[in-house]
N, C-alpha and C. Protein backbone atom coordinates (compact mmCIF):
# COMPACT_ATOMS: atom_id res chain seq x y z
N MET A 1 -21.15 20.31 -3.40
CA MET A 1 -22.17 20.29 -1.89
C MET A 1 -21.45 18.66 -1.36
N PHE A 2 -21.40 17.88 -2.33
CA PHE A 2 -21.11 16.47 -2.00
C PHE A 2 -19.74 16.76 -1.17
N ARG A 3 -18.25 17.42 -1.12
CA ARG A 3 -17.12 17.46 -0.29
C ARG A 3 -17.79 18.60 0.56
N LYS A 4 -18.79 19.31 0.90
CA LYS A 4 -19.22 19.57 2.19
C LYS A 4 -19.73 18.98 2.74
N SER A 5 -20.36 17.65 2.41
CA SER A 5 -21.38 16.73 2.85
C SER A 5 -20.28 15.73 3.56
N VAL A 6 -19.12 15.52 2.67
CA VAL A 6 -18.68 14.13 3.69
C VAL A 6 -17.34 15.52 4.87
N LYS A 7 -17.19 16.41 4.05
CA LYS A 7 -16.25 17.11 5.21
C LYS A 7 -16.76 17.77 6.57
N LYS A 8 -18.45 17.59 6.95
CA LYS A 8 -18.70 17.45 7.67
C LYS A 8 -18.96 16.39 8.64
N HIS A 9 -18.69 15.23 8.07
CA HIS A 9 -19.13 14.15 8.53
C HIS A 9 -17.52 13.28 8.99
N GLU A 10 -16.34 14.12 8.50
CA GLU A 10 -15.30 13.77 9.10
C GLU A 10 -14.52 12.86 9.96
N ARG A 11 -15.18 13.46 11.01
CA ARG A 11 -14.70 12.18 12.16
C ARG A 11 -15.38 10.67 11.93
N LEU A 12 -16.73 10.86 11.41
CA LEU A 12 -17.53 9.98 11.19
C LEU A 12 -16.62 8.72 10.13
N PHE A 13 -16.11 9.28 9.12
CA PHE A 13 -15.84 8.73 7.88
C PHE A 13 -13.94 8.14 8.29
N THR A 14 -13.90 9.22 9.28
CA THR A 14 -12.25 8.46 9.70
C THR A 14 -12.67 7.16 10.66
N THR A 15 -13.29 7.64 11.78
CA THR A 15 -13.50 6.46 12.47
C THR A 15 -13.63 5.39 12.04
N LEU A 16 -14.48 5.36 11.29
CA LEU A 16 -14.93 4.06 10.51
C LEU A 16 -13.89 3.77 9.30
N VAL A 17 -13.14 3.68 8.76
CA VAL A 17 -11.99 3.39 8.02
C VAL A 17 -10.79 3.25 9.01
N LEU A 18 -10.80 3.73 10.06
CA LEU A 18 -9.68 3.38 11.10
C LEU A 18 -10.15 1.65 11.58
N VAL A 19 -11.42 1.62 12.03
CA VAL A 19 -12.19 0.85 12.95
C VAL A 19 -11.84 -0.60 11.41
N LEU A 20 -12.20 -0.04 10.54
CA LEU A 20 -11.79 -1.29 9.36
C LEU A 20 -10.39 -1.59 9.07
N SER A 21 -9.46 -0.71 8.84
CA SER A 21 -7.76 -0.77 9.40
C SER A 21 -7.42 -1.74 10.11
N PHE A 22 -8.19 -1.91 11.64
CA PHE A 22 -7.48 -2.25 13.02
C PHE A 22 -7.81 -3.41 12.25
N TYR A 23 -9.24 -3.57 12.45
CA TYR A 23 -10.36 -4.82 11.72
C TYR A 23 -9.10 -6.05 10.64
N GLN A 24 -9.05 -5.14 9.87
CA GLN A 24 -7.94 -5.70 8.56
C GLN A 24 -6.88 -6.33 9.50
N GLN A 25 -5.86 -5.69 10.19
CA GLN A 25 -4.86 -6.00 10.90
C GLN A 25 -4.56 -6.90 11.60
N PHE A 26 -5.98 -6.92 12.56
CA PHE A 26 -6.48 -8.18 13.38
C PHE A 26 -6.73 -9.68 12.72
N LEU A 27 -7.24 -9.33 11.87
CA LEU A 27 -8.11 -10.60 11.22
C LEU A 27 -6.72 -11.05 10.43
N LEU A 28 -5.68 -10.26 9.69
CA LEU A 28 -4.47 -10.81 9.16
C LEU A 28 -3.81 -11.72 9.97
N TYR A 29 -3.25 -11.09 10.84
CA TYR A 29 -1.87 -11.70 11.90
C TYR A 29 -2.89 -12.32 12.44
N THR A 30 -4.30 -12.68 13.10
CA THR A 30 -4.49 -13.88 13.80
C THR A 30 -4.88 -15.30 13.10
N THR A 31 -5.33 -14.86 12.13
CA THR A 31 -5.42 -15.43 11.00
C THR A 31 -3.53 -16.54 10.33
N TYR A 32 -2.96 -15.67 9.89
CA TYR A 32 -1.57 -16.03 10.07
C TYR A 32 -1.38 -17.67 11.39
N TYR A 33 -1.39 -16.27 12.20
CA TYR A 33 -1.00 -16.90 13.68
C TYR A 33 -1.62 -18.40 13.60
N ASP A 34 -3.08 -18.32 13.36
CA ASP A 34 -3.83 -19.81 13.28
C ASP A 34 -3.41 -20.44 12.35
N LEU A 35 -2.84 -20.29 11.61
CA LEU A 35 -2.65 -21.32 9.75
C LEU A 35 -1.08 -22.13 9.89
N ILE A 36 -0.32 -20.65 10.10
CA ILE A 36 0.97 -21.27 10.05
C ILE A 36 2.45 -20.70 11.03
N GLY A 37 1.48 -19.83 12.10
CA GLY A 37 2.04 -19.29 13.21
C GLY A 37 3.26 -17.96 12.82
N LEU A 38 3.42 -16.90 13.40
CA LEU A 38 4.26 -16.11 13.10
C LEU A 38 5.43 -16.53 13.38
N ASN A 39 5.76 -16.87 11.69
CA ASN A 39 6.89 -16.82 11.12
C ASN A 39 7.77 -15.63 10.82
N LEU A 40 8.90 -15.35 10.43
CA LEU A 40 9.53 -14.34 9.86
C LEU A 40 9.63 -14.11 8.19
N SER A 41 9.42 -15.20 7.94
CA SER A 41 9.71 -15.78 6.65
C SER A 41 8.53 -15.11 6.09
N ASP A 42 7.07 -14.68 6.51
CA ASP A 42 6.05 -14.17 5.88
C ASP A 42 5.28 -13.37 6.67
N SER A 43 5.07 -13.22 7.75
CA SER A 43 4.34 -12.38 8.89
C SER A 43 4.81 -11.12 8.92
N LEU A 44 6.27 -10.42 8.36
CA LEU A 44 6.54 -9.25 8.86
C LEU A 44 5.30 -8.57 7.80
N PRO A 45 5.33 -7.67 8.82
CA PRO A 45 4.62 -6.45 7.61
C PRO A 45 5.58 -5.70 6.52
N LEU A 46 6.32 -6.42 5.66
CA LEU A 46 7.03 -5.89 4.63
C LEU A 46 6.58 -6.30 3.18
N HIS A 47 5.62 -6.73 3.09
CA HIS A 47 5.17 -6.69 1.92
C HIS A 47 4.46 -5.69 1.59
N ILE A 48 4.50 -5.02 0.63
CA ILE A 48 3.79 -3.60 0.57
C ILE A 48 2.26 -3.38 0.67
N SER A 49 1.57 -4.31 0.54
CA SER A 49 0.30 -4.05 1.11
C SER A 49 0.05 -4.03 2.75
N ARG A 50 1.10 -4.67 3.14
CA ARG A 50 0.84 -4.95 4.35
C ARG A 50 1.63 -3.33 5.48
N PHE A 51 3.07 -3.09 4.56
CA PHE A 51 3.47 -1.60 5.15
C PHE A 51 2.64 -0.61 4.51
N ASN A 52 1.19 -0.69 3.14
CA ASN A 52 0.79 0.46 3.34
C ASN A 52 -0.34 0.37 3.93
N ALA A 53 -1.27 -0.99 4.39
CA ALA A 53 -2.22 -0.75 5.95
C ALA A 53 -1.66 -0.14 6.60
N LEU A 54 -0.13 0.03 7.32
CA LEU A 54 0.19 0.62 8.41
C LEU A 54 0.49 1.79 8.36
N LEU A 55 0.68 2.30 6.70
CA LEU A 55 0.89 4.16 6.79
C LEU A 55 -0.30 4.39 6.95
N ALA A 56 -1.62 3.65 6.34
CA ALA A 56 -3.25 4.12 6.12
C ALA A 56 -3.09 4.21 7.87
N VAL A 57 -2.97 3.56 8.60
CA VAL A 57 -3.47 3.85 9.96
C VAL A 57 -2.69 4.86 10.68
N ILE A 58 -1.27 5.21 10.11
CA ILE A 58 -0.61 6.03 10.98
C ILE A 58 -1.05 7.00 10.25
N TYR A 59 -1.19 7.55 8.92
CA TYR A 59 -2.09 8.63 8.51
C TYR A 59 -3.45 9.12 8.94
N LEU A 60 -4.12 8.37 9.39
CA LEU A 60 -5.62 8.41 10.00
C LEU A 60 -5.50 8.96 11.12
N LEU A 61 -4.30 8.59 11.96
CA LEU A 61 -4.33 8.82 13.27
C LEU A 61 -3.49 10.41 13.35
N SER A 62 -2.70 10.84 12.24
CA SER A 62 -1.66 11.48 12.62
C SER A 62 -2.37 13.08 11.03
N ASN A 63 -2.78 12.34 10.43
CA ASN A 63 -2.97 14.00 9.24
C ASN A 63 -1.88 13.90 8.70
N ASP A 64 -0.87 13.66 8.75
CA ASP A 64 0.69 13.91 8.73
C ASP A 64 0.56 13.66 6.89
N GLU A 65 1.28 15.07 6.66
CA GLU A 65 1.15 15.47 5.25
C GLU A 65 2.21 14.34 4.49
N GLY A 66 3.82 14.23 5.01
CA GLY A 66 4.57 12.90 4.59
C GLY A 66 3.65 11.87 4.55
N VAL A 67 3.42 12.11 5.61
CA VAL A 67 2.57 10.06 5.30
C VAL A 67 1.74 10.51 4.17
N PHE A 68 0.66 10.67 4.03
CA PHE A 68 0.13 10.97 3.25
C PHE A 68 0.81 10.45 1.29
N LYS A 69 1.72 11.56 1.44
CA LYS A 69 2.16 11.47 0.12
C LYS A 69 3.10 10.30 -0.11
N LEU A 70 3.68 9.47 1.33
CA LEU A 70 4.03 8.47 0.80
C LEU A 70 3.04 6.68 0.51
N LEU A 71 1.91 7.32 1.22
CA LEU A 71 1.22 6.29 1.45
C LEU A 71 0.41 6.89 -0.21
N ALA A 72 0.57 8.39 -0.51
CA ALA A 72 -0.21 7.99 -2.32
C ALA A 72 0.50 7.06 -2.80
N TYR A 73 1.54 7.64 -2.82
CA TYR A 73 2.46 6.81 -4.26
C TYR A 73 2.45 5.42 -3.84
N PHE A 74 3.03 5.13 -2.48
CA PHE A 74 2.58 3.22 -2.31
C PHE A 74 1.79 2.65 -2.87
N SER A 75 0.22 3.27 -2.76
CA SER A 75 -0.65 2.53 -2.45
C SER A 75 -0.80 2.47 -4.83
N LEU A 76 -0.24 2.94 -5.40
CA LEU A 76 -0.65 2.96 -6.62
C LEU A 76 -0.09 1.38 -6.50
N TYR A 77 0.40 0.43 -6.22
CA TYR A 77 0.69 -0.70 -5.92
C TYR A 77 -0.47 -1.71 -5.85
N ALA A 78 -1.50 -0.74 -4.57
CA ALA A 78 -2.51 -1.47 -4.55
C ALA A 78 -3.25 -1.32 -5.50
N TRP A 79 -3.35 -0.62 -6.26
CA TRP A 79 -4.62 -0.70 -7.93
C TRP A 79 -3.83 -1.85 -8.60
N ILE A 80 -2.38 -1.95 -8.95
CA ILE A 80 -1.72 -3.32 -9.60
C ILE A 80 -2.44 -4.57 -8.99
N SER A 81 -2.09 -4.67 -7.87
CA SER A 81 -2.91 -5.49 -7.36
C SER A 81 -3.77 -6.50 -7.44
N LEU A 82 -4.76 -4.83 -7.35
CA LEU A 82 -6.05 -5.32 -7.61
C LEU A 82 -6.13 -5.59 -9.07
N ILE A 83 -5.74 -4.86 -9.69
CA ILE A 83 -5.90 -5.58 -11.49
C ILE A 83 -5.25 -6.60 -11.75
N TYR A 84 -4.09 -7.15 -10.84
CA TYR A 84 -3.34 -8.69 -11.43
C TYR A 84 -2.83 -8.87 -9.82
N PRO A 85 -4.22 -9.74 -9.06
CA PRO A 85 -3.35 -10.37 -7.93
C PRO A 85 -2.83 -11.53 -8.00
N ILE A 86 -2.35 -12.00 -6.70
CA ILE A 86 -1.49 -12.72 -6.66
C ILE A 86 -1.30 -13.35 -5.78
N ARG A 87 -1.53 -15.03 -5.22
CA ARG A 87 -1.57 -15.55 -4.12
C ARG A 87 -3.24 -15.19 -2.98
N VAL A 88 -3.77 -15.23 -3.74
CA VAL A 88 -5.33 -14.41 -3.25
C VAL A 88 -5.88 -15.14 -2.43
N TYR A 89 -6.43 -15.10 -1.41
CA TYR A 89 -7.76 -16.19 -1.15
C TYR A 89 -8.67 -16.00 -1.53
N SER A 90 -10.03 -17.06 -1.22
CA SER A 90 -11.39 -17.42 -1.43
C SER A 90 -11.21 -16.01 -0.75
N ILE A 91 -12.79 -15.48 -1.36
CA ILE A 91 -13.30 -14.10 -0.79
C ILE A 91 -14.11 -14.45 0.88
N VAL A 92 -14.50 -15.69 0.82
CA VAL A 92 -14.93 -16.20 2.29
C VAL A 92 -13.59 -16.81 3.00
N HIS A 93 -12.58 -16.66 2.87
CA HIS A 93 -11.55 -16.82 3.97
C HIS A 93 -11.11 -15.86 4.40
N PRO A 94 -10.54 -15.72 5.40
CA PRO A 94 -10.63 -14.64 6.13
C PRO A 94 -9.28 -14.08 5.66
N ILE A 95 -7.97 -14.30 5.40
CA ILE A 95 -6.90 -13.60 4.81
C ILE A 95 -7.79 -13.11 3.42
N GLY A 96 -8.51 -13.66 2.68
CA GLY A 96 -9.40 -13.28 1.40
C GLY A 96 -10.07 -11.78 1.56
N VAL A 97 -10.88 -11.87 3.10
CA VAL A 97 -11.49 -10.40 3.61
C VAL A 97 -10.40 -9.53 3.80
N SER A 98 -9.03 -9.73 4.42
CA SER A 98 -7.88 -9.01 4.50
C SER A 98 -7.81 -8.43 3.83
N TYR A 99 -7.39 -9.58 2.65
CA TYR A 99 -6.78 -8.61 1.65
C TYR A 99 -7.70 -7.43 0.93
N LEU A 100 -8.90 -7.62 0.38
CA LEU A 100 -9.95 -6.93 -0.09
C LEU A 100 -9.86 -5.77 0.76
N LEU A 101 -10.27 -5.83 1.60
CA LEU A 101 -10.00 -4.47 3.17
C LEU A 101 -8.63 -3.72 2.70
N SER A 102 -7.88 -4.55 2.91
CA SER A 102 -6.42 -3.41 2.89
C SER A 102 -6.12 -2.40 1.42
N TYR A 103 -6.68 -3.69 0.46
CA TYR A 103 -6.29 -3.33 -1.08
C TYR A 103 -7.65 -1.69 -1.35
N PHE A 104 -8.69 -2.19 -1.00
CA PHE A 104 -9.36 -1.24 -0.81
C PHE A 104 -9.29 0.56 -0.43
N ILE A 105 -8.86 -0.18 1.14
CA ILE A 105 -8.72 0.90 2.20
C ILE A 105 -7.38 1.90 1.31
N THR A 106 -6.44 1.33 1.45
CA THR A 106 -5.09 1.36 0.39
C THR A 106 -5.05 2.25 -0.33
N SER A 107 -5.82 2.35 -1.60
CA SER A 107 -5.70 2.90 -2.78
C SER A 107 -6.80 3.91 -2.57
N LEU A 108 -7.83 3.58 -1.74
CA LEU A 108 -9.24 4.71 -1.95
C LEU A 108 -8.53 5.92 -0.62
N LEU A 109 -7.83 5.47 0.06
CA LEU A 109 -7.01 6.52 0.88
C LEU A 109 -6.43 8.24 0.49
N PRO A 110 -5.77 8.16 -0.45
CA PRO A 110 -5.68 9.30 -1.36
C PRO A 110 -6.30 10.23 -2.09
N PHE A 111 -7.72 9.50 -2.30
CA PHE A 111 -8.42 10.21 -2.51
C PHE A 111 -9.57 11.13 -1.28
N TYR A 112 -9.35 10.03 -0.63
CA TYR A 112 -10.09 10.56 0.98
C TYR A 112 -9.57 11.69 1.02
N GLY A 113 -8.05 11.63 1.66
CA GLY A 113 -7.24 12.81 1.37
C GLY A 113 -7.44 13.88 1.04
N PHE A 114 -7.76 13.77 -0.09
CA PHE A 114 -7.87 15.29 -1.27
C PHE A 114 -9.72 15.74 -0.33
N LEU A 115 -10.36 14.58 -0.04
CA LEU A 115 -11.63 15.24 -0.31
C LEU A 115 -11.50 15.90 1.26
N ILE A 116 -11.37 15.15 2.07
CA ILE A 116 -11.64 15.46 3.34
C ILE A 116 -10.52 16.06 4.21
N HIS A 117 -9.20 15.72 3.97
CA HIS A 117 -8.45 16.43 4.64
C HIS A 117 -7.18 17.93 4.10
N ASP A 118 -8.08 17.72 2.42
CA ASP A 118 -7.54 18.84 1.13
C ASP A 118 -5.74 18.64 1.50
N ASN A 119 -5.34 17.39 1.59
CA ASN A 119 -3.90 16.98 1.31
C ASN A 119 -3.68 16.86 -0.12
N ALA A 120 -2.67 17.20 -0.46
CA ALA A 120 -2.21 17.65 -2.11
C ALA A 120 -1.11 16.99 -2.45
N ILE A 121 -0.76 16.47 -3.96
CA ILE A 121 0.24 15.78 -4.03
C ILE A 121 0.60 17.27 -5.12
N GLU A 122 1.44 17.74 -5.32
CA GLU A 122 2.68 18.53 -5.77
C GLU A 122 3.49 17.89 -6.74
N LYS A 123 3.65 18.39 -7.98
CA LYS A 123 4.72 18.23 -8.98
C LYS A 123 6.02 17.84 -8.17
N GLY A 124 6.13 16.98 -8.76
CA GLY A 124 7.62 16.67 -8.32
C GLY A 124 7.65 15.84 -7.12
N ASP A 125 6.60 15.56 -6.57
CA ASP A 125 6.59 14.58 -5.32
C ASP A 125 7.18 13.09 -5.93
N LYS A 126 6.70 12.86 -6.85
CA LYS A 126 7.68 11.52 -6.88
C LYS A 126 9.05 11.69 -6.74
N ASN A 127 9.47 12.19 -7.10
CA ASN A 127 11.07 12.45 -6.83
C ASN A 127 11.20 12.58 -4.92
N LYS A 128 10.40 13.02 -4.60
CA LYS A 128 11.17 12.96 -2.73
C LYS A 128 10.45 11.50 -2.60
N ILE A 129 9.68 10.93 -3.05
CA ILE A 129 8.82 9.54 -2.21
C ILE A 129 9.98 8.17 -2.83
N TYR A 130 10.32 8.31 -4.15
CA TYR A 130 11.39 7.15 -4.57
C TYR A 130 12.05 6.78 -4.25
N PRO A 131 13.03 7.67 -3.14
CA PRO A 131 14.21 6.99 -2.67
C PRO A 131 13.80 6.37 -1.38
N TRP A 132 12.51 6.70 -0.63
CA TRP A 132 11.49 5.82 0.27
C TRP A 132 11.31 4.34 -0.38
N PHE A 133 11.29 4.54 -1.53
CA PHE A 133 10.53 3.17 -2.32
C PHE A 133 11.85 2.08 -2.10
N ILE A 134 13.29 3.08 -2.72
CA ILE A 134 14.56 2.38 -2.80
C ILE A 134 14.47 1.89 -1.63
N LEU A 135 14.77 2.29 -0.30
CA LEU A 135 14.85 2.40 0.76
C LEU A 135 14.27 0.77 1.49
N TYR A 136 12.49 0.93 1.01
CA TYR A 136 11.86 -0.20 1.33
C TYR A 136 12.27 -1.29 0.38
N LEU A 137 12.54 -1.25 -0.62
CA LEU A 137 12.76 -2.54 -1.82
C LEU A 137 14.47 -3.24 -1.27
N PHE A 138 15.38 -2.32 -0.76
CA PHE A 138 16.43 -3.19 -0.08
C PHE A 138 16.01 -3.78 0.98
N VAL A 139 15.41 -3.06 1.84
CA VAL A 139 15.23 -3.67 3.26
C VAL A 139 14.19 -4.59 3.00
N ALA A 140 13.32 -5.14 1.82
CA ALA A 140 12.82 -6.24 1.14
C ALA A 140 13.37 -7.03 1.06
N TYR A 141 14.62 -6.94 0.25
CA TYR A 141 15.48 -7.85 -0.16
C TYR A 141 16.45 -8.39 0.56
N LEU A 142 16.91 -7.42 1.84
CA LEU A 142 17.88 -8.32 2.54
C LEU A 142 17.27 -9.06 3.85
N VAL A 143 15.84 -8.31 3.86
CA VAL A 143 15.32 -9.47 5.05
C VAL A 143 14.65 -11.12 4.16
N ASN A 144 14.66 -11.06 3.13
CA ASN A 144 13.96 -12.12 2.22
C ASN A 144 15.57 -13.01 2.30
N LEU A 145 16.51 -12.58 2.24
CA LEU A 145 17.88 -13.07 2.32
C LEU A 145 17.99 -14.08 3.37
N MET A 146 18.00 -12.96 4.39
CA MET A 146 17.91 -13.94 5.53
C MET A 146 16.66 -14.73 6.71
N VAL A 147 15.46 -14.20 5.86
CA VAL A 147 14.74 -15.36 6.94
C VAL A 147 13.89 -15.81 5.44
N ASP A 148 14.61 -16.31 4.57
CA ASP A 148 14.14 -16.78 3.02
C ASP A 148 13.08 -16.81 3.30
N GLY A 149 12.22 -15.28 3.11
CA GLY A 149 10.96 -14.51 2.28
C GLY A 149 10.80 -14.26 1.87
N ASN A 150 9.47 -14.00 1.12
CA ASN A 150 9.45 -13.55 -0.40
C ASN A 150 8.71 -11.85 -0.38
N TYR A 151 8.98 -11.67 0.73
CA TYR A 151 8.89 -9.88 0.65
C TYR A 151 8.33 -9.26 -0.79
N PHE A 152 7.17 -8.45 -1.55
CA PHE A 152 7.99 -7.58 -2.57
C PHE A 152 7.45 -8.71 -3.78
N TYR A 153 7.50 -10.05 -3.30
CA TYR A 153 7.25 -11.02 -4.45
C TYR A 153 8.69 -11.18 -4.77
N LEU A 154 10.07 -10.74 -4.88
CA LEU A 154 11.11 -11.16 -4.86
C LEU A 154 11.98 -11.98 -5.24
N THR A 155 11.45 -13.32 -4.24
CA THR A 155 11.87 -14.25 -4.17
C THR A 155 11.06 -14.96 -5.77
N HIS A 156 10.01 -15.54 -5.05
CA HIS A 156 9.11 -16.12 -6.17
C HIS A 156 8.12 -14.99 -7.22
N ARG A 157 8.51 -14.21 -8.19
CA ARG A 157 8.13 -13.66 -8.70
C ARG A 157 6.76 -13.63 -9.66
N PRO A 158 6.25 -13.16 -10.01
CA PRO A 158 5.04 -13.36 -10.85
C PRO A 158 5.24 -13.19 -12.00
N LEU A 159 6.51 -12.30 -12.35
CA LEU A 159 6.51 -12.32 -13.56
C LEU A 159 8.09 -11.86 -13.77
N LEU A 160 8.58 -12.59 -14.78
CA LEU A 160 9.99 -12.68 -15.46
C LEU A 160 10.61 -13.37 -14.22
N ASP A 161 10.53 -14.39 -13.61
CA ASP A 161 10.89 -15.25 -12.76
C ASP A 161 12.30 -15.54 -12.59
N PHE A 162 12.19 -15.66 -14.78
CA PHE A 162 13.63 -16.18 -15.03
C PHE A 162 15.05 -15.17 -14.77
N LEU A 163 14.52 -14.26 -14.55
CA LEU A 163 15.74 -12.79 -14.67
C LEU A 163 16.62 -13.01 -13.40
N PRO A 164 17.53 -12.59 -13.54
CA PRO A 164 18.62 -12.38 -12.52
C PRO A 164 18.65 -11.57 -11.90
N ASP A 165 18.80 -11.51 -10.13
CA ASP A 165 18.43 -10.22 -9.39
C ASP A 165 19.36 -8.75 -10.59
N LEU A 166 20.34 -9.26 -10.78
CA LEU A 166 21.08 -7.81 -10.91
C LEU A 166 20.57 -7.04 -12.42
N ILE A 167 19.23 -8.23 -13.56
CA ILE A 167 18.70 -7.29 -14.07
C ILE A 167 16.79 -7.34 -13.82
N TYR A 168 16.84 -8.13 -12.78
CA TYR A 168 14.79 -7.80 -12.05
C TYR A 168 15.30 -6.39 -11.16
N ILE A 169 15.83 -6.70 -10.50
CA ILE A 169 15.84 -4.62 -9.89
C ILE A 169 16.07 -3.73 -10.32
N PRO A 170 16.75 -3.69 -11.18
CA PRO A 170 16.82 -2.17 -11.72
C PRO A 170 15.14 -2.40 -12.71
N LEU A 171 14.97 -3.31 -12.79
CA LEU A 171 13.69 -3.08 -14.06
C LEU A 171 12.46 -2.68 -12.83
N VAL A 172 12.40 -3.15 -11.61
CA VAL A 172 11.19 -2.87 -11.03
C VAL A 172 11.60 -1.09 -10.48
N LEU A 173 13.05 -0.81 -10.69
CA LEU A 173 13.60 0.49 -9.98
C LEU A 173 12.90 1.77 -11.25
N VAL A 174 13.39 0.98 -12.33
CA VAL A 174 12.37 1.58 -13.23
C VAL A 174 10.76 1.32 -13.57
N PHE A 175 10.39 0.32 -13.34
CA PHE A 175 8.87 0.45 -13.42
C PHE A 175 8.33 1.25 -12.19
N THR A 176 8.71 1.19 -11.26
CA THR A 176 8.36 1.78 -9.72
C THR A 176 8.22 3.11 -10.47
N TYR A 177 9.35 3.79 -10.79
CA TYR A 177 9.31 5.45 -11.24
C TYR A 177 8.53 5.70 -12.20
N GLY A 178 8.25 4.64 -13.11
CA GLY A 178 7.34 5.04 -14.01
C GLY A 178 5.96 5.28 -13.70
N LEU A 179 5.83 4.30 -12.83
CA LEU A 179 4.49 3.66 -11.72
C LEU A 179 4.32 5.58 -11.07
N PHE A 180 5.20 5.71 -10.50
CA PHE A 180 4.98 7.35 -9.44
C PHE A 180 4.87 8.36 -10.41
N SER A 181 5.76 8.09 -11.70
CA SER A 181 4.88 9.54 -12.56
C SER A 181 3.38 9.62 -12.96
N LEU A 182 3.34 8.52 -13.87
CA LEU A 182 1.67 7.86 -13.95
C LEU A 182 0.93 8.49 -13.00
N GLY A 183 1.04 8.05 -11.75
CA GLY A 183 0.16 8.19 -10.42
C GLY A 183 0.16 9.34 -9.85
N GLU A 184 1.22 10.29 -10.67
CA GLU A 184 1.43 11.53 -9.98
C GLU A 184 0.35 12.32 -10.96
N LYS A 185 0.28 12.29 -12.21
CA LYS A 185 -0.19 13.10 -13.12
C LYS A 185 -1.46 12.84 -12.69
N ILE A 186 -1.88 11.45 -12.53
CA ILE A 186 -3.55 11.23 -12.62
C ILE A 186 -4.24 11.93 -10.76
N TYR A 187 -2.68 11.87 -10.17
CA TYR A 187 -3.65 11.80 -8.54
C TYR A 187 -3.47 14.36 -9.05
N LEU A 188 -2.89 15.07 -9.59
CA LEU A 188 -2.71 15.91 -9.97
C LEU A 188 -3.86 16.35 -10.80
N LYS A 189 -4.53 15.19 -11.78
CA LYS A 189 -5.88 16.05 -12.40
C LYS A 189 -6.70 15.75 -11.25
N VAL A 190 -7.11 14.80 -10.64
CA VAL A 190 -8.44 14.35 -10.09
C VAL A 190 -8.35 15.41 -8.68
N GLN A 191 -7.08 15.45 -7.91
CA GLN A 191 -7.35 16.55 -7.07
C GLN A 191 -7.79 17.83 -7.19
N ASN A 192 -7.30 18.31 -8.38
CA ASN A 192 -8.46 19.22 -9.20
C ASN A 192 -9.21 19.64 -9.35
N ARG A 193 -10.14 18.53 -9.06
CA ARG A 193 -11.55 18.24 -9.43
C ARG A 193 -12.37 17.99 -8.79
N VAL A 194 -11.73 17.63 -6.86
CA VAL A 194 -12.35 17.22 -6.45
C VAL A 194 -12.62 18.45 -5.56
């Protein structure tokens, strides 16, 4: 009953989430521009939350299954960020509002895809998405070196800051594979119940 009701208003829900997503992007980048200017070391969409926000917009506009799966796995980091927030502005600050909008949208969109668009995660999808994460991490690492950035918090780390990159990066890769594995199990259970 709930699913039929939600699907009946699919266009309204999609439009609402798209408007919120565009507002979040506008709020984030205009505030950054006002505060620090748009500089390459902090203003590129290479923080995973910003990358997810762009994936969300692409998914909502295209309903592409591949983008859905990429967003579903990458958005698992949104859940971690909600549990363990780093460098978060106050809820009354525009960047704080942007942060909350971004994380709530990207963490809930996989469930939206299950309900509204009948998107699905299949067993083993983590192995198809994981190479994309490796590419993302590689690009973030290289850009950090070129522009003195901190994308994916690889330069100023919230945990294990004392470890050299040679140890830290493989740990990130192992952690992410574990996160994707756990997320896949959760998604498989949830999507079978909606």
